[in-house]
Protein backbone atom coordinates (compact mmCIF):
# COMPACT_ATOMS: atom_id res chain seq x y z
CA UNK A 1 -40.35 20.48 52.32
CA UNK A 2 -39.78 16.44 52.09
CA UNK A 3 -43.19 15.65 51.53
CA UNK A 4 -43.69 19.06 48.89
CA UNK A 5 -40.50 16.97 46.98
CA UNK A 6 -41.82 13.66 47.12
CA UNK A 7 -45.11 15.04 45.90
CA UNK A 8 -43.99 16.73 42.94
CA UNK A 9 -41.90 14.15 41.60
CA UNK A 10 -44.43 11.59 42.29
CA UNK A 11 -46.32 13.49 39.69
CA UNK A 12 -43.98 13.78 37.05
CA UNK A 13 -44.88 10.38 35.73
CA UNK A 14 -48.03 9.38 34.01
CA UNK A 15 -50.75 7.21 35.84
CA UNK A 16 -49.89 3.30 34.87
CA UNK A 17 -53.30 2.97 33.05
CA UNK A 18 -52.56 6.08 30.54
CA UNK A 19 -49.07 4.70 29.62
CA UNK A 20 -49.20 3.10 26.10
CA UNK A 21 -47.43 -0.05 26.57
CA UNK A 22 -47.93 -1.39 23.13
CA UNK A 23 -46.91 1.89 21.78
CA UNK A 24 -43.94 2.00 23.72
CA UNK A 25 -42.95 -1.41 23.07
CA UNK A 26 -43.65 -1.03 18.93
CA UNK A 27 -41.20 2.12 18.90
CA UNK A 28 -38.25 -0.10 20.76
CA UNK A 29 -39.07 -2.71 18.42
CA UNK A 30 -38.74 -0.80 15.14
CA UNK A 31 -35.89 1.17 16.78
CA UNK A 32 -33.92 -1.98 17.06
CA UNK A 33 -34.89 -3.40 13.52
CA UNK A 34 -33.77 -0.04 12.07
CA UNK A 35 -30.40 -0.24 13.99
CA UNK A 36 -29.77 -4.04 12.69
CA UNK A 37 -30.72 -2.92 9.00
CA UNK A 38 -28.41 0.17 9.04
CA UNK A 39 -25.50 -2.41 10.89
CA UNK A 40 -26.06 -4.67 7.72
CA UNK A 41 -27.02 -2.63 4.91
CA UNK A 42 -24.16 -0.20 4.95
CA UNK A 43 -21.33 -2.52 5.03
CA UNK A 44 -22.44 -4.65 2.65
CA UNK A 45 -23.00 -1.59 0.26
CA UNK A 46 -19.65 -0.47 0.79
CA UNK A 47 -17.86 -3.94 -0.22
CA UNK A 48 -20.19 -3.86 -3.43
CA UNK A 49 -19.26 0.10 -4.38
CA UNK A 50 -16.14 1.44 -5.99
CA UNK A 51 -13.79 1.68 -2.95
CA UNK A 52 -13.57 5.65 -2.98
CA UNK A 53 -17.40 5.43 -1.71
CA UNK A 54 -16.01 2.99 0.99
CA UNK A 55 -14.86 5.87 3.58
CA UNK A 56 -18.18 7.71 3.27
CA UNK A 57 -20.09 4.74 3.27
CA UNK A 58 -18.96 3.15 6.80
CA UNK A 59 -18.87 5.26 9.15
CA UNK A 60 -23.01 5.90 8.22
CA UNK A 61 -24.10 3.21 10.17
CA UNK A 62 -23.05 4.24 14.12
CA UNK A 63 -24.10 7.57 13.00
CA UNK A 64 -27.61 6.79 12.46
CA UNK A 65 -27.62 4.07 15.12
CA UNK A 66 -27.10 7.64 17.23
CA UNK A 67 -29.42 9.41 15.72
CA UNK A 68 -32.30 6.40 15.84
CA UNK A 69 -31.48 5.78 19.73
CA UNK A 70 -31.76 9.76 20.27
CA UNK A 71 -34.88 9.94 18.67
CA UNK A 72 -36.37 6.95 20.11
CA UNK A 73 -35.82 8.82 23.77
CA UNK A 74 -37.71 11.68 22.37
CA UNK A 75 -40.57 9.61 21.31
CA UNK A 76 -40.94 7.19 24.40
CA UNK A 77 -40.12 9.95 27.36
CA UNK A 78 -43.77 11.98 26.42
CA UNK A 79 -45.48 8.45 26.49
CA UNK A 80 -43.93 7.92 30.09
CA UNK A 81 -44.02 11.51 31.38
CA UNK A 82 -46.03 14.24 32.06
CA UNK A 83 -45.23 16.46 28.86
CA UNK A 84 -44.08 19.53 30.70
CA UNK A 85 -40.91 21.63 30.50
CA UNK A 86 -40.46 21.35 34.35
CA UNK A 87 -41.12 17.83 34.30
CA UNK A 88 -38.29 17.42 31.59
CA UNK A 89 -35.94 19.37 33.62
CA UNK A 90 -36.18 17.37 36.60
CA UNK A 91 -36.24 14.13 35.01
CA UNK A 92 -33.15 14.15 32.75
CA UNK A 93 -31.16 16.35 35.41
CA UNK A 94 -31.50 13.49 38.02
CA UNK A 95 -30.89 10.96 35.25
CA UNK A 96 -27.71 12.59 34.09
CA UNK A 97 -26.57 13.18 37.77
CA UNK A 98 -26.92 9.83 38.52
CA UNK A 99 -25.30 8.53 35.57
CA UNK A 100 -22.55 10.69 35.87
CA UNK A 101 -21.60 9.91 39.41
CA UNK A 102 -22.61 5.85 38.68
CA UNK A 103 -21.35 5.34 35.27
CA UNK A 104 -18.90 8.06 34.69
CA UNK A 105 -16.47 5.82 32.85
CA UNK A 106 -19.31 4.57 30.84
CA UNK A 107 -20.48 8.29 29.83
CA UNK A 108 -16.80 8.80 28.90
CA UNK A 109 -17.25 6.10 26.49
CA UNK A 110 -20.07 7.28 25.11
CA UNK A 111 -18.52 10.88 24.67
CA UNK A 112 -15.63 9.54 23.05
CA UNK A 113 -17.97 7.54 20.80
CA UNK A 114 -19.58 10.54 19.45
CA UNK A 115 -16.18 11.88 18.88
CA UNK A 116 -15.05 8.90 17.38
CA UNK A 117 -17.63 8.92 14.50
CA UNK A 118 -16.91 12.90 14.13
CA UNK A 119 -13.40 12.72 13.79
CA UNK A 120 -12.95 9.18 12.39
CA UNK A 121 -9.51 7.93 14.12
CA UNK A 122 -10.98 4.37 13.01
CA UNK A 123 -14.11 3.09 11.16
CA UNK A 124 -15.78 -0.37 10.10
CA UNK A 125 -13.40 -2.27 7.96
CA UNK A 126 -10.15 -0.09 9.41
CA UNK A 127 -6.81 -2.13 10.54
CA UNK A 128 -5.78 -0.77 13.62
CA UNK A 129 -3.52 -0.60 16.44
CA UNK A 130 -4.65 0.13 19.70
CA UNK A 131 -3.04 -0.67 23.06
CA UNK A 132 -0.93 -2.95 21.05
CA UNK A 133 -3.88 -4.74 20.17
CA UNK A 134 -3.97 -5.22 16.05
CA UNK A 135 -6.69 -6.08 14.05
CA UNK A 136 -9.67 -5.05 12.09
CA UNK A 137 -12.54 -3.05 13.05
CA UNK A 138 -15.70 -5.10 12.79
CA UNK A 139 -18.51 -3.43 14.94
CA UNK A 140 -18.93 0.15 16.37
CA UNK A 141 -20.77 0.63 19.25
CA UNK A 142 -22.18 3.58 21.33
CA UNK A 143 -19.63 2.45 23.79
CA UNK A 144 -16.81 0.27 22.52
CA UNK A 145 -15.86 -0.95 18.90
CA UNK A 146 -14.98 -4.68 18.52
CA UNK A 147 -11.66 -5.51 16.70
CA UNK A 148 -11.15 -9.08 15.36
CA UNK A 149 -7.35 -9.99 15.38
CA UNK A 150 -5.72 -12.08 12.91
CA UNK A 151 -5.90 -15.00 15.29
CA UNK A 152 -9.65 -14.55 14.97
CA UNK A 153 -9.97 -13.41 18.50
CA UNK A 154 -12.86 -10.62 19.12
CA UNK A 155 -11.42 -7.89 21.17
CA UNK A 156 -13.80 -4.92 22.80
CA UNK A 157 -12.01 -2.01 23.13
CA UNK A 158 -13.86 0.89 24.51
CA UNK A 159 -13.49 4.48 22.61
CA UNK A 160 -12.51 6.17 25.88
CA UNK A 161 -9.08 5.00 24.83
CA UNK A 162 -8.97 7.58 22.30
CA UNK A 163 -8.02 10.32 25.10
CA UNK A 164 -5.05 8.50 26.16
CA UNK A 165 -3.93 6.24 23.88
CA UNK A 166 -1.94 6.14 20.32
CA UNK A 167 -4.57 4.91 17.54
CA UNK A 168 -2.71 3.52 14.68
CA UNK A 169 -4.62 3.05 11.61
CA UNK A 170 -3.20 0.98 8.64
CA UNK A 171 -5.46 1.96 5.78
CA UNK A 172 -7.64 4.98 7.09
CA UNK A 173 -10.95 3.91 5.00
CA UNK A 174 -8.89 2.99 2.10
CA UNK A 175 -9.55 -0.35 0.90
CA UNK A 176 -5.34 -1.34 0.74
CA UNK A 177 -2.86 -0.70 3.12
CA UNK A 178 1.14 -0.89 3.13
CA UNK A 179 2.22 -4.70 3.78
CA UNK A 180 6.10 -5.26 4.64
CA UNK A 181 7.99 -8.70 4.32
CA UNK A 182 11.43 -8.71 5.81
CA UNK A 183 14.73 -10.32 4.85
CA UNK A 184 17.93 -10.60 7.43
CA UNK A 185 20.67 -11.40 4.96
CA UNK A 186 24.48 -12.12 5.38
CA UNK A 187 26.59 -8.70 4.37
CA UNK A 188 28.72 -10.58 1.89
CA UNK A 189 26.24 -10.05 -1.28
CA UNK A 190 25.31 -7.72 -4.54
CA UNK A 191 23.11 -5.16 -2.18
CA UNK A 192 22.09 -3.98 -5.88
CA UNK A 193 20.88 -7.44 -7.50
CA UNK A 194 19.17 -8.73 -3.99
CA UNK A 195 17.21 -5.10 -4.26
CA UNK A 196 16.26 -5.68 -7.69
CA UNK A 197 15.47 -9.51 -6.88
CA UNK A 198 12.81 -8.41 -4.42
CA UNK A 199 11.11 -5.66 -6.79
CA UNK A 200 10.74 -8.84 -9.20
CA UNK A 201 9.24 -11.04 -6.62
CA UNK A 202 6.77 -7.97 -5.78
CA UNK A 203 5.96 -7.07 -9.32
CA UNK A 204 4.84 -11.01 -9.93
CA UNK A 205 2.95 -11.53 -6.80
CA UNK A 206 -0.89 -12.35 -7.86
CA UNK A 207 -2.13 -9.93 -4.74
CA UNK A 208 -0.18 -6.85 -5.58
CA UNK A 209 -1.93 -3.65 -6.21
CA UNK A 210 -0.20 -2.42 -9.41
CA UNK A 211 -1.08 1.23 -9.00
CA UNK A 212 0.65 1.91 -5.87
CA UNK A 213 4.20 2.04 -4.97
CA UNK A 214 6.60 -0.95 -4.20
CA UNK A 215 9.99 0.56 -2.53
CA UNK A 216 12.77 -1.89 -1.02
CA UNK A 217 14.72 -0.21 2.17
CA UNK A 218 17.84 -1.61 2.83
CA UNK A 219 19.59 -0.87 6.16
CA UNK A 220 23.10 -2.17 7.44
CA UNK A 221 22.86 -3.83 10.53
CA UNK A 222 25.68 -5.25 13.15
CA UNK A 223 24.77 -8.80 12.28
CA UNK A 224 24.23 -8.17 8.42
CA UNK A 225 21.96 -6.49 6.00
CA UNK A 226 18.04 -5.88 6.56
CA UNK A 227 15.66 -5.90 3.66
CA UNK A 228 12.27 -4.54 3.66
CA UNK A 229 10.15 -5.49 0.97
CA UNK A 230 7.12 -2.39 0.92
CA UNK A 231 3.84 -3.16 -1.15
CA UNK A 232 0.11 -2.84 -1.18
CA UNK A 233 -1.97 -5.84 -1.98
CA UNK A 234 -5.33 -5.31 -3.80
CA UNK A 235 -7.42 -5.78 -0.76
CA UNK A 236 -6.14 -5.07 2.60
CA UNK A 237 -8.03 -8.35 3.71
CA UNK A 238 -4.79 -10.48 2.13
CA UNK A 239 -2.47 -9.01 3.63
CA UNK A 240 -1.38 -12.15 5.39
CA UNK A 241 -1.29 -13.94 2.35
CA UNK A 242 0.32 -11.43 0.67
CA UNK A 243 3.27 -10.97 3.08
CA UNK A 244 3.46 -14.93 2.84
CA UNK A 245 3.44 -14.93 -1.00
CA UNK A 246 6.51 -12.19 -0.75
CA UNK A 247 8.70 -14.14 1.75
CA UNK A 248 8.37 -17.54 0.37
CA UNK A 249 8.86 -16.48 -3.00
CA UNK A 250 11.51 -13.87 -1.78
CA UNK A 251 13.42 -16.64 0.32
CA UNK A 252 13.66 -18.81 -3.06
CA UNK A 253 14.86 -16.43 -5.29
CA UNK A 254 17.36 -15.54 -2.88
CA UNK A 255 18.53 -18.72 -2.33
CA UNK A 256 18.81 -19.41 -6.15
CA UNK A 257 21.31 -16.66 -5.97
CA UNK A 258 23.30 -17.87 -3.45
CA UNK A 259 22.97 -15.31 -1.09
CA UNK A 260 22.76 -16.82 2.62
CA UNK A 261 20.70 -15.54 5.44
CA UNK A 262 21.71 -13.50 8.29
CA UNK A 263 24.38 -15.98 10.73
CA UNK A 264 22.82 -14.30 14.14
CA UNK A 265 19.06 -14.05 15.07
CA UNK A 266 17.93 -10.60 15.55
CA UNK A 267 14.98 -8.83 17.21
CA UNK A 268 12.69 -6.23 14.83
CA UNK A 269 10.58 -4.02 15.41
CA UNK A 270 7.28 -3.24 13.46
CA UNK A 271 8.48 0.05 11.74
CA UNK A 272 7.00 0.59 8.47
């Protein structure tokens, strides 16, 4: 019985002299070239067209890459394996079983990558927080995505995180996203004047997106009064210059009003 199995499996593949290595190499090279072209072209196009096209163009690259890989496998497989239904079933069945046991985490990441392309919890260009890592999604591979943090550190995060982690997406495909500048003040001041002054600071920022709302949230705390100035920059990439501009000019305006900062240091979260 074992001899029959060995003979059957040895007859699955084409003889080496019948395998077109040149055609296989050309197909693989063409697939790589198309993938690289897609990864460069669609982000380039998304950044040059109006913002409303961005959520539709950026997911095209990973979807197209998945399609190219699938088509490449379909083209290359008959060049190596005798094209019969039994042979295909035997090879793909054995390969799937081996991958399932040896690379179950990797396969989980691949499946999660397909789900991420369909459900769009993040896209290239989105600013996300995953497992405490915040940054811009620069690349979506089949197994993992790459995030560039504000400190210019590239972090690779497997797509399988979507199974058991909370995904926070600041802009969700849009060009801008909400930014917050916090101020902690001594309670002895005119809150209405301070609120109006902070609104004026936001309205005069060169980074401000005028079409989006501006808000000042005031909360009284045991150590003083906390103000959170919330606004949108023209482009999400200007997040940190925008927050810095609001903070610097806001402190200067409050100082001119004679408002003192909170006396005691405080620990604040990142709530919006």
